[in-house]
C-alpha cells in the first residue's frame, strides 16, 4: 500500500470513528505540508488562546504548590475548576 493510500485510509477511518470533519481537514492539511517539508501554520483562535492560558495557569499553580505541606486534594480540586 502506498503512503498516499495509507494516509487516505487513516483519515477515512478517523472520519468513520466519529472524529469531527474539521479535525480531519486539519490533519490532511498538516500531512500535506509536512510531506512537502514546509512549516505548519498554527491555528489561532479564541478557544485555543483560552486553552493556552489555562495550561499556563495550571503550570504556575503546579510550580507554586508546596509538595511538603500542601494538601493534594485541595490542589486537584482547584485544578479542576478552570
PDB file of N, CA and C in Angstrom:
ATOM      1  N   UNK A   1       0.855  -1.174   0.000  1.00  0.00           N
ATOM      2  CA  UNK A   1       0.000   0.000   0.000  1.00  0.00           C
ATOM      3  C   UNK A   1       0.904   1.241   0.000  1.00  0.00           C
ATOM      4  N   UNK A   2       0.593   2.210  -0.840  1.00  0.00           N
ATOM      5  CA  UNK A   2       1.410   3.422  -0.924  1.00  0.00           C
ATOM      6  C   UNK A   2       1.165   4.327   0.276  1.00  0.00           C
ATOM      7  N   UNK A   3       2.073   5.283   0.471  1.00  0.00           N
ATOM      8  CA  UNK A   3       1.916   6.243   1.571  1.00  0.00           C
ATOM      9  C   UNK A   3       0.615   7.021   1.416  1.00  0.00           C
ATOM     10  N   UNK A   4       0.302   7.398   0.179  1.00  0.00           N
ATOM     11  CA  UNK A   4      -0.926   8.148  -0.073  1.00  0.00           C
ATOM     12  C   UNK A   4      -2.149   7.314   0.301  1.00  0.00           C
ATOM     13  N   UNK A   5      -2.120   6.035  -0.060  1.00  0.00           N
ATOM     14  CA  UNK A   5      -3.241   5.149   0.279  1.00  0.00           C
ATOM     15  C   UNK A   5      -3.370   4.983   1.791  1.00  0.00           C
ATOM     16  N   UNK A   6      -2.237   4.828   2.476  1.00  0.00           N
ATOM     17  CA  UNK A   6      -2.270   4.697   3.931  1.00  0.00           C
ATOM     18  C   UNK A   6      -2.827   5.953   4.582  1.00  0.00           C
ATOM     19  N   UNK A   7      -2.411   7.114   4.077  1.00  0.00           N
ATOM     20  CA  UNK A   7      -2.895   8.382   4.627  1.00  0.00           C
ATOM     21  C   UNK A   7      -4.402   8.511   4.420  1.00  0.00           C
ATOM     22  N   UNK A   8      -4.861   8.214   3.208  1.00  0.00           N
ATOM     23  CA  UNK A   8      -6.282   8.301   2.923  1.00  0.00           C
ATOM     24  C   UNK A   8      -7.065   7.333   3.805  1.00  0.00           C
ATOM     25  N   UNK A   9      -6.556   6.122   3.946  1.00  0.00           N
ATOM     26  CA  UNK A   9      -7.242   5.114   4.761  1.00  0.00           C
ATOM     27  C   UNK A   9      -7.297   5.562   6.221  1.00  0.00           C
ATOM     28  N   UNK A  10      -6.199   6.129   6.723  1.00  0.00           N
ATOM     29  CA  UNK A  10      -6.174   6.595   8.105  1.00  0.00           C
ATOM     30  C   UNK A  10      -7.160   7.711   8.355  1.00  0.00           C
ATOM     31  N   UNK A  11      -7.212   8.660   7.442  1.00  0.00           N
ATOM     32  CA  UNK A  11      -8.157   9.769   7.588  1.00  0.00           C
ATOM     33  C   UNK A  11      -9.592   9.277   7.469  1.00  0.00           C
ATOM     34  N   UNK A  12      -9.825   8.349   6.559  1.00  0.00           N
ATOM     35  CA  UNK A  12     -11.171   7.804   6.389  1.00  0.00           C
ATOM     36  C   UNK A  12     -11.607   7.035   7.644  1.00  0.00           C
ATOM     37  N   UNK A  13     -10.701   6.257   8.206  1.00  0.00           N
ATOM     38  CA  UNK A  13     -11.017   5.528   9.447  1.00  0.00           C
ATOM     39  C   UNK A  13     -11.341   6.489  10.587  1.00  0.00           C
ATOM     40  N   UNK A  14     -10.581   7.581  10.656  1.00  0.00           N
ATOM     41  CA  UNK A  14     -10.843   8.583  11.697  1.00  0.00           C
ATOM     42  C   UNK A  14     -12.230   9.185  11.507  1.00  0.00           C
ATOM     43  N   UNK A  15     -12.591   9.457  10.275  1.00  0.00           N
ATOM     44  CA  UNK A  15     -13.915  10.000   9.994  1.00  0.00           C
ATOM     45  C   UNK A  15     -15.006   9.003  10.387  1.00  0.00           C
ATOM     46  N   UNK A  16     -14.809   7.736  10.039  1.00  0.00           N
ATOM     47  CA  UNK A  16     -15.779   6.699  10.404  1.00  0.00           C
ATOM     48  C   UNK A  16     -15.874   6.520  11.920  1.00  0.00           C
ATOM     49  N   UNK A  17     -14.769   6.793  12.619  1.00  0.00           N
ATOM     50  CA  UNK A  17     -14.750   6.649  14.074  1.00  0.00           C
ATOM     51  C   UNK A  17     -15.413   7.825  14.784  1.00  0.00           C
ATOM     52  N   UNK A  18     -15.824   8.828  14.015  1.00  0.00           N
ATOM     53  CA  UNK A  18     -16.531   9.943  14.624  1.00  0.00           C
ATOM     54  C   UNK A  18     -15.691  11.176  14.880  1.00  0.00           C
ATOM     55  N   UNK A  19     -14.451  11.182  14.398  1.00  0.00           N
ATOM     56  CA  UNK A  19     -13.620  12.377  14.550  1.00  0.00           C
ATOM     57  C   UNK A  19     -14.268  13.490  13.713  1.00  0.00           C
ATOM     58  N   UNK A  20     -14.434  14.676  14.285  1.00  0.00           N
ATOM     59  CA  UNK A  20     -15.089  15.763  13.544  1.00  0.00           C
ATOM     60  C   UNK A  20     -14.374  16.073  12.224  1.00  0.00           C
ATOM     61  N   UNK A  21     -15.164  16.418  11.222  1.00  0.00           N
ATOM     62  CA  UNK A  21     -14.631  16.691   9.889  1.00  0.00           C
ATOM     63  C   UNK A  21     -13.593  17.815   9.913  1.00  0.00           C
ATOM     64  N   UNK A  22     -13.798  18.793  10.780  1.00  0.00           N
ATOM     65  CA  UNK A  22     -12.843  19.898  10.904  1.00  0.00           C
ATOM     66  C   UNK A  22     -11.456  19.380  11.302  1.00  0.00           C
ATOM     67  N   UNK A  23     -11.430  18.400  12.185  1.00  0.00           N
ATOM     68  CA  UNK A  23     -10.168  17.808  12.628  1.00  0.00           C
ATOM     69  C   UNK A  23      -9.530  17.015  11.486  1.00  0.00           C
ATOM     70  N   UNK A  24     -10.349  16.292  10.732  1.00  0.00           N
ATOM     71  CA  UNK A  24      -9.859  15.512   9.590  1.00  0.00           C
ATOM     72  C   UNK A  24      -9.233  16.450   8.560  1.00  0.00           C
ATOM     73  N   UNK A  25      -9.896  17.563   8.278  1.00  0.00           N
ATOM     74  CA  UNK A  25      -9.362  18.524   7.306  1.00  0.00           C
ATOM     75  C   UNK A  25      -8.031  19.097   7.783  1.00  0.00           C
ATOM     76  N   UNK A  26      -7.946  19.410   9.064  1.00  0.00           N
ATOM     77  CA  UNK A  26      -6.705  19.953   9.608  1.00  0.00           C
ATOM     78  C   UNK A  26      -5.593  18.907   9.532  1.00  0.00           C
ATOM     79  N   UNK A  27      -5.914  17.661   9.857  1.00  0.00           N
ATOM     80  CA  UNK A  27      -4.923  16.587   9.786  1.00  0.00           C
ATOM     81  C   UNK A  27      -4.434  16.401   8.351  1.00  0.00           C
ATOM     82  N   UNK A  28      -5.346  16.460   7.402  1.00  0.00           N
ATOM     83  CA  UNK A  28      -4.977  16.328   6.000  1.00  0.00           C
ATOM     84  C   UNK A  28      -4.048  17.465   5.578  1.00  0.00           C
ATOM     85  N   UNK A  29      -4.367  18.675   6.008  1.00  0.00           N
ATOM     86  CA  UNK A  29      -3.516  19.834   5.709  1.00  0.00           C
ATOM     87  C   UNK A  29      -2.118  19.639   6.293  1.00  0.00           C
ATOM     88  N   UNK A  30      -2.046  19.215   7.551  1.00  0.00           N
ATOM     89  CA  UNK A  30      -0.747  19.026   8.203  1.00  0.00           C
ATOM     90  C   UNK A  30       0.055  17.943   7.491  1.00  0.00           C
ATOM     91  N   UNK A  31      -0.589  16.864   7.089  1.00  0.00           N
ATOM     92  CA  UNK A  31       0.105  15.808   6.348  1.00  0.00           C
ATOM     93  C   UNK A  31       0.649  16.334   5.026  1.00  0.00           C
ATOM     94  N   UNK A  32      -0.163  17.116   4.310  1.00  0.00           N
ATOM     95  CA  UNK A  32       0.282  17.697   3.035  1.00  0.00           C
ATOM     96  C   UNK A  32       1.502  18.580   3.229  1.00  0.00           C
ATOM     97  N   UNK A  33       1.433  19.445   4.223  1.00  0.00           N
ATOM     98  CA  UNK A  33       2.517  20.402   4.462  1.00  0.00           C
ATOM     99  C   UNK A  33       3.796  19.688   4.893  1.00  0.00           C
ATOM    100  N   UNK A  34       3.674  18.723   5.782  1.00  0.00           N
ATOM    101  CA  UNK A  34       4.879  18.031   6.260  1.00  0.00           C
ATOM    102  C   UNK A  34       5.497  17.166   5.166  1.00  0.00           C
ATOM    103  N   UNK A  35       4.683  16.629   4.270  1.00  0.00           N
ATOM    104  CA  UNK A  35       5.229  15.860   3.150  1.00  0.00           C
ATOM    105  C   UNK A  35       6.053  16.746   2.231  1.00  0.00           C
ATOM    106  N   UNK A  36       5.690  18.023   2.148  1.00  0.00           N
ATOM    107  CA  UNK A  36       6.447  18.986   1.331  1.00  0.00           C
ATOM    108  C   UNK A  36       7.573  19.627   2.137  1.00  0.00           C
ATOM    109  N   UNK A  37       7.757  19.175   3.381  1.00  0.00           N
ATOM    110  CA  UNK A  37       8.805  19.683   4.278  1.00  0.00           C
ATOM    111  C   UNK A  37       8.676  21.194   4.475  1.00  0.00           C
ATOM    112  N   UNK A  38       7.439  21.640   4.652  1.00  0.00           N
ATOM    113  CA  UNK A  38       7.158  23.049   4.896  1.00  0.00           C
ATOM    114  C   UNK A  38       6.720  23.249   6.347  1.00  0.00           C
ATOM    115  N   UNK A  39       6.710  24.503   6.763  1.00  0.00           N
ATOM    116  CA  UNK A  39       6.297  24.861   8.122  1.00  0.00           C
ATOM    117  C   UNK A  39       4.777  24.784   8.247  1.00  0.00           C
ATOM    118  N   UNK A  40       4.301  24.191   9.312  1.00  0.00           N
ATOM    119  CA  UNK A  40       2.865  24.102   9.576  1.00  0.00           C
ATOM    120  C   UNK A  40       2.441  25.342  10.353  1.00  0.00           C
ATOM    121  N   UNK A  41       1.506  26.085   9.809  1.00  0.00           N
ATOM    122  CA  UNK A  41       0.983  27.265  10.493  1.00  0.00           C
ATOM    123  C   UNK A  41       0.080  26.831  11.632  1.00  0.00           C
ATOM    124  N   UNK A  42       0.296  27.408  12.785  1.00  0.00           N
ATOM    125  CA  UNK A  42      -0.515  27.090  13.955  1.00  0.00           C
ATOM    126  C   UNK A  42      -1.856  27.803  13.847  1.00  0.00           C
ATOM    127  N   UNK A  43      -2.903  27.075  14.142  1.00  0.00           N
ATOM    128  CA  UNK A  43      -4.214  27.695  14.204  1.00  0.00           C
ATOM    129  C   UNK A  43      -4.271  28.613  15.414  1.00  0.00           C
ATOM    130  N   UNK A  44      -4.918  29.716  15.263  1.00  0.00           N
ATOM    131  CA  UNK A  44      -5.037  30.629  16.395  1.00  0.00           C
ATOM    132  C   UNK A  44      -6.462  31.172  16.415  1.00  0.00           C
ATOM    133  N   UNK A  45      -7.162  30.849  17.475  1.00  0.00           N
ATOM    134  CA  UNK A  45      -8.496  31.406  17.663  1.00  0.00           C
ATOM    135  C   UNK A  45      -8.723  31.573  19.161  1.00  0.00           C
ATOM    136  N   UNK A  46      -9.841  32.149  19.502  1.00  0.00           N
ATOM    137  CA  UNK A  46     -10.110  32.437  20.916  1.00  0.00           C
ATOM    138  C   UNK A  46     -10.109  31.188  21.779  1.00  0.00           C
ATOM    139  N   UNK A  47     -10.635  30.091  21.254  1.00  0.00           N
ATOM    140  CA  UNK A  47     -10.700  28.856  22.033  1.00  0.00           C
ATOM    141  C   UNK A  47      -9.287  28.323  22.319  1.00  0.00           C
ATOM    142  N   UNK A  48      -8.414  28.360  21.316  1.00  0.00           N
ATOM    143  CA  UNK A  48      -7.040  27.904  21.530  1.00  0.00           C
ATOM    144  C   UNK A  48      -6.296  28.828  22.478  1.00  0.00           C
ATOM    145  N   UNK A  49      -6.518  30.120  22.348  1.00  0.00           N
ATOM    146  CA  UNK A  49      -5.864  31.068  23.245  1.00  0.00           C
ATOM    147  C   UNK A  49      -6.292  30.832  24.689  1.00  0.00           C
ATOM    148  N   UNK A  50      -7.580  30.535  24.894  1.00  0.00           N
ATOM    149  CA  UNK A  50      -8.086  30.249  26.235  1.00  0.00           C
ATOM    150  C   UNK A  50      -7.451  28.977  26.797  1.00  0.00           C
ATOM    151  N   UNK A  51      -7.350  27.926  25.958  1.00  0.00           N
ATOM    152  CA  UNK A  51      -6.708  26.688  26.416  1.00  0.00           C
ATOM    153  C   UNK A  51      -5.247  26.941  26.765  1.00  0.00           C
ATOM    154  N   UNK A  52      -4.549  27.696  25.923  1.00  0.00           N
ATOM    155  CA  UNK A  52      -3.151  28.021  26.207  1.00  0.00           C
ATOM    156  C   UNK A  52      -3.025  28.710  27.559  1.00  0.00           C
ATOM    157  N   UNK A  53      -3.916  29.659  27.822  1.00  0.00           N
ATOM    158  CA  UNK A  53      -3.861  30.376  29.090  1.00  0.00           C
ATOM    159  C   UNK A  53      -4.163  29.441  30.261  1.00  0.00           C
ATOM    160  N   UNK A  54      -5.122  28.537  30.069  1.00  0.00           N
ATOM    161  CA  UNK A  54      -5.437  27.560  31.118  1.00  0.00           C
ATOM    162  C   UNK A  54      -4.239  26.671  31.422  1.00  0.00           C
ATOM    163  N   UNK A  55      -3.524  26.244  30.385  1.00  0.00           N
ATOM    164  CA  UNK A  55      -2.337  25.416  30.600  1.00  0.00           C
ATOM    165  C   UNK A  55      -1.260  26.208  31.329  1.00  0.00           C
ATOM    166  N   UNK A  56      -1.073  27.451  30.963  1.00  0.00           N
ATOM    167  CA  UNK A  56      -0.088  28.295  31.642  1.00  0.00           C
ATOM    168  C   UNK A  56      -0.460  28.475  33.112  1.00  0.00           C
ATOM    169  N   UNK A  57      -1.733  28.712  33.374  1.00  0.00           N
ATOM    170  CA  UNK A  57      -2.201  28.857  34.757  1.00  0.00           C
ATOM    171  C   UNK A  57      -1.960  27.569  35.548  1.00  0.00           C
ATOM    172  N   UNK A  58      -2.230  26.422  34.914  1.00  0.00           N
ATOM    173  CA  UNK A  58      -2.041  25.142  35.591  1.00  0.00           C
ATOM    174  C   UNK A  58      -0.568  24.924  35.944  1.00  0.00           C
ATOM    175  N   UNK A  59       0.317  25.277  35.024  1.00  0.00           N
ATOM    176  CA  UNK A  59       1.749  25.125  35.291  1.00  0.00           C
ATOM    177  C   UNK A  59       2.171  26.040  36.436  1.00  0.00           C
ATOM    178  N   UNK A  60       1.661  27.272  36.464  1.00  0.00           N
ATOM    179  CA  UNK A  60       2.003  28.194  37.545  1.00  0.00           C
ATOM    180  C   UNK A  60       1.532  27.650  38.890  1.00  0.00           C
ATOM    181  N   UNK A  61       0.315  27.095  38.929  1.00  0.00           N
ATOM    182  CA  UNK A  61      -0.194  26.513  40.178  1.00  0.00           C
ATOM    183  C   UNK A  61       0.647  25.321  40.605  1.00  0.00           C
ATOM    184  N   UNK A  62       1.040  24.510  39.633  1.00  0.00           N
ATOM    185  CA  UNK A  62       1.862  23.349  39.935  1.00  0.00           C
ATOM    186  C   UNK A  62       3.223  23.774  40.483  1.00  0.00           C
ATOM    187  N   UNK A  63       3.809  24.785  39.890  1.00  0.00           N
ATOM    188  CA  UNK A  63       5.112  25.268  40.344  1.00  0.00           C
ATOM    189  C   UNK A  63       5.022  25.908  41.736  1.00  0.00           C
ATOM    190  N   UNK A  64       3.880  26.490  42.066  1.00  0.00           N
ATOM    191  CA  UNK A  64       3.716  27.159  43.357  1.00  0.00           C
ATOM    192  C   UNK A  64       3.291  26.190  44.467  1.00  0.00           C
ATOM    193  N   UNK A  65       2.896  24.979  44.099  1.00  0.00           N
ATOM    194  CA  UNK A  65       2.405  24.020  45.088  1.00  0.00           C
ATOM    195  C   UNK A  65       3.523  23.607  46.041  1.00  0.00           C
ATOM    196  N   UNK A  66       3.224  23.599  47.318  1.00  0.00           N
ATOM    197  CA  UNK A  66       4.166  23.169  48.352  1.00  0.00           C
ATOM    198  C   UNK A  66       4.013  21.661  48.517  1.00  0.00           C
ATOM    199  N   UNK A  67       4.945  20.912  47.932  1.00  0.00           N
ATOM    200  CA  UNK A  67       4.854  19.449  47.929  1.00  0.00           C
ATOM    201  C   UNK A  67       4.990  18.851  49.328  1.00  0.00           C
ATOM    202  N   UNK A  68       5.604  19.575  50.250  1.00  0.00           N
ATOM    203  CA  UNK A  68       5.804  19.048  51.596  1.00  0.00           C
ATOM    204  C   UNK A  68       4.585  19.314  52.475  1.00  0.00           C
ATOM    205  N   UNK A  69       4.078  20.548  52.430  1.00  0.00           N
ATOM    206  CA  UNK A  69       2.992  20.937  53.338  1.00  0.00           C
ATOM    207  C   UNK A  69       1.636  21.103  52.656  1.00  0.00           C
ATOM    208  N   UNK A  70       1.590  21.016  51.338  1.00  0.00           N
ATOM    209  CA  UNK A  70       0.349  21.258  50.610  1.00  0.00           C
ATOM    210  C   UNK A  70      -0.628  20.106  50.687  1.00  0.00           C
ATOM    211  N   UNK A  71      -1.893  20.419  50.506  1.00  0.00           N
ATOM    212  CA  UNK A  71      -2.959  19.421  50.512  1.00  0.00           C
ATOM    213  C   UNK A  71      -3.282  19.063  49.057  1.00  0.00           C
ATOM    214  N   UNK A  72      -2.969  17.839  48.652  1.00  0.00           N
ATOM    215  CA  UNK A  72      -3.195  17.425  47.264  1.00  0.00           C
ATOM    216  C   UNK A  72      -4.670  17.471  46.878  1.00  0.00           C
ATOM    217  N   UNK A  73      -5.565  17.135  47.789  1.00  0.00           N
ATOM    218  CA  UNK A  73      -6.990  17.175  47.467  1.00  0.00           C
ATOM    219  C   UNK A  73      -7.426  18.588  47.109  1.00  0.00           C
ATOM    220  N   UNK A  74      -7.005  19.558  47.889  1.00  0.00           N
ATOM    221  CA  UNK A  74      -7.347  20.951  47.616  1.00  0.00           C
ATOM    222  C   UNK A  74      -6.713  21.385  46.292  1.00  0.00           C
ATOM    223  N   UNK A  75      -5.466  20.979  46.082  1.00  0.00           N
ATOM    224  CA  UNK A  75      -4.762  21.335  44.852  1.00  0.00           C
ATOM    225  C   UNK A  75      -5.514  20.820  43.623  1.00  0.00           C
ATOM    226  N   UNK A  76      -5.882  19.537  43.620  1.00  0.00           N
ATOM    227  CA  UNK A  76      -6.545  18.973  42.459  1.00  0.00           C
ATOM    228  C   UNK A  76      -7.956  19.517  42.281  1.00  0.00           C
ATOM    229  N   UNK A  77      -8.639  19.849  43.352  1.00  0.00           N
ATOM    230  CA  UNK A  77      -9.955  20.481  43.223  1.00  0.00           C
ATOM    231  C   UNK A  77      -9.812  21.838  42.559  1.00  0.00           C
ATOM    232  N   UNK A  78      -8.809  22.586  42.948  1.00  0.00           N
ATOM    233  CA  UNK A  78      -8.572  23.895  42.335  1.00  0.00           C
ATOM    234  C   UNK A  78      -8.209  23.753  40.867  1.00  0.00           C
ATOM    235  N   UNK A  79      -7.479  22.704  40.523  1.00  0.00           N
ATOM    236  CA  UNK A  79      -7.072  22.488  39.126  1.00  0.00           C
ATOM    237  C   UNK A  79      -8.280  22.159  38.244  1.00  0.00           C
ATOM    238  N   UNK A  80      -9.276  21.531  38.805  1.00  0.00           N
ATOM    239  CA  UNK A  80     -10.459  21.142  38.026  1.00  0.00           C
ATOM    240  C   UNK A  80     -11.453  22.277  37.826  1.00  0.00           C
ATOM    241  N   UNK A  81     -11.235  23.377  38.470  1.00  0.00           N
ATOM    242  CA  UNK A  81     -12.197  24.474  38.380  1.00  0.00           C
ATOM    243  C   UNK A  81     -12.074  25.296  37.103  1.00  0.00           C
ATOM    244  N   UNK A  82     -10.935  25.243  36.433  1.00  0.00           N
ATOM    245  CA  UNK A  82     -10.827  26.077  35.231  1.00  0.00           C
ATOM    246  C   UNK A  82     -11.133  25.347  34.003  1.00  0.00           C
TER     247      UNK A  82
END
